[in-house]
Protein backbone atom coordinates (compact mmCIF):
# COMPACT_ATOMS: atom_id res chain seq x y z
CA UNK A 1 36.26 17.73 20.75
CA UNK A 2 31.57 17.83 19.94
CA UNK A 3 30.60 13.92 20.37
CA UNK A 4 28.67 12.35 16.98
CA UNK A 5 24.58 11.96 18.15
CA UNK A 6 23.98 7.95 16.45
CA UNK A 7 21.69 8.27 14.90
CA UNK A 8 18.44 5.36 16.08
CA UNK A 9 18.06 2.85 13.80
CA UNK A 10 14.20 2.87 13.35
CA UNK A 11 14.29 6.94 14.04
CA UNK A 12 15.74 6.78 10.90
CA UNK A 13 13.26 4.46 9.47
CA UNK A 14 10.40 6.42 10.73
CA UNK A 15 12.78 9.35 8.84
CA UNK A 16 12.45 7.77 5.62
CA UNK A 17 8.82 6.83 5.54
CA UNK A 18 8.28 10.48 6.16
CA UNK A 19 9.64 11.18 3.34
CA UNK A 20 8.60 8.61 0.77
CA UNK A 21 5.04 9.35 2.34
CA UNK A 22 5.32 12.78 1.81
CA UNK A 23 6.68 12.31 -2.04
CA UNK A 24 4.19 9.87 -2.88
CA UNK A 25 1.54 12.15 -1.89
CA UNK A 26 3.39 15.33 -4.11
CA UNK A 27 3.82 17.51 -0.74
CA UNK A 28 6.00 19.66 0.28
CA UNK A 29 7.94 19.42 3.54
CA UNK A 30 5.92 22.73 4.18
CA UNK A 31 2.65 21.30 3.29
CA UNK A 32 2.74 18.28 5.28
CA UNK A 33 4.65 20.79 8.46
CA UNK A 34 1.11 22.87 7.95
CA UNK A 35 -0.99 19.91 8.25
CA UNK A 36 -1.23 18.91 10.56
CA UNK A 37 -3.15 20.03 13.97
CA UNK A 38 -0.47 21.85 15.86
CA UNK A 39 1.48 23.20 12.68
CA UNK A 40 5.89 22.85 12.46
CA UNK A 41 8.52 24.25 10.36
CA UNK A 42 9.58 22.55 7.19
CA UNK A 43 12.36 23.09 8.75
CA UNK A 44 11.46 20.18 11.46
CA UNK A 45 9.87 18.44 9.42
CA UNK A 46 13.82 17.99 8.00
CA UNK A 47 14.20 16.94 11.05
CA UNK A 48 12.04 14.01 11.56
CA UNK A 49 13.58 12.76 8.01
CA UNK A 50 16.68 12.98 8.67
CA UNK A 51 15.82 11.24 12.12
CA UNK A 52 18.16 14.56 14.29
CA UNK A 53 14.78 15.11 16.18
CA UNK A 54 12.34 11.99 17.15
CA UNK A 55 8.49 12.20 16.76
CA UNK A 56 6.38 11.46 19.37
CA UNK A 57 3.60 9.18 19.25
CA UNK A 58 1.44 11.88 18.44
CA UNK A 59 2.82 13.18 16.28
CA UNK A 60 3.14 10.33 14.15
CA UNK A 61 -0.72 10.36 13.80
CA UNK A 62 -1.41 13.58 13.03
CA UNK A 63 1.14 12.55 9.89
CA UNK A 64 -0.57 9.82 9.09
CA UNK A 65 -3.79 10.87 9.18
CA UNK A 66 -2.30 14.44 7.22
CA UNK A 67 -0.93 12.10 4.35
CA UNK A 68 -4.13 9.23 4.63
CA UNK A 69 -1.79 5.90 5.27
CA UNK A 70 -2.32 3.90 8.92
CA UNK A 71 0.46 4.53 10.91
CA UNK A 72 2.08 1.35 10.35
CA UNK A 73 3.21 2.21 7.36
CA UNK A 74 5.85 4.13 9.38
CA UNK A 75 6.71 1.26 11.80
CA UNK A 76 9.25 -1.79 10.84
CA UNK A 77 7.73 -5.04 10.63
CA UNK A 78 4.37 -4.21 9.56
CA UNK A 79 3.62 -5.16 6.34
CA UNK A 80 1.37 -2.31 5.35
CA UNK A 81 -1.19 -2.60 2.33
CA UNK A 82 -3.01 0.82 1.54
CA UNK A 83 -4.59 2.02 -1.83
CA UNK A 84 -2.00 4.95 -3.86
CA UNK A 85 -3.82 8.48 -4.01
CA UNK A 86 -3.33 9.50 -7.44
CA UNK A 87 -2.40 13.35 -8.47
CA UNK A 88 -5.07 15.09 -9.94
CA UNK A 89 -3.03 14.62 -13.79
CA UNK A 90 -1.88 10.75 -12.53
CA UNK A 91 -5.22 9.59 -13.18
CA UNK A 92 -6.00 11.84 -16.26
CA UNK A 93 -3.02 9.38 -17.31
CA UNK A 94 -3.97 6.35 -16.03
CA UNK A 95 -8.12 6.71 -17.29
CA UNK A 96 -7.46 8.05 -20.63
CA UNK A 97 -4.32 4.54 -20.93
CA UNK A 98 -6.79 2.67 -20.18
CA UNK A 99 -9.25 3.62 -22.73
CA UNK A 100 -6.81 2.88 -24.46
CA UNK A 101 -6.29 -0.27 -27.26
CA UNK A 102 -3.15 -2.85 -25.74
CA UNK A 103 -1.70 -2.15 -29.02
CA UNK A 104 -1.52 1.74 -28.27
CA UNK A 105 -0.47 1.05 -24.57
CA UNK A 106 2.31 -0.84 -25.92
CA UNK A 107 3.53 2.25 -27.87
CA UNK A 108 2.71 4.95 -24.93
CA UNK A 109 4.76 2.29 -22.77
CA UNK A 110 7.68 1.87 -25.93
CA UNK A 111 7.17 5.99 -26.17
CA UNK A 112 7.15 6.50 -22.16
CA UNK A 113 10.65 4.32 -21.66
CA UNK A 114 12.36 6.19 -25.11
CA UNK A 115 11.26 9.76 -23.44
CA UNK A 116 13.40 8.50 -19.49
CA UNK A 117 16.47 7.68 -21.76
CA UNK A 118 16.53 10.63 -23.24
CA UNK A 119 16.22 12.56 -20.05
């Protein structure tokens, strides 16, 4: 009988935060793995995300740098504030939104909520 490996809660938290940061930055697992000093495969990034393999502090520092986040972002019990990085289309959308009147902003928000419900 094969014994099931227990996943450490801290490793699971770090893996979840790695995924959250990667998605927040619009990066694929492959892009993240290739964006560090010593590149790793997307499969390895997936193993870190799923807490199957542990991430060394050195590697976590590299991931943090690639994702433009402080290392504390990935650690449990840290209340780290950071500047979110917007994609070019998000920045353009925000710029247009701020140029609109309050009435137009409200109408756009209503429209977007309706579109989201239809999906």
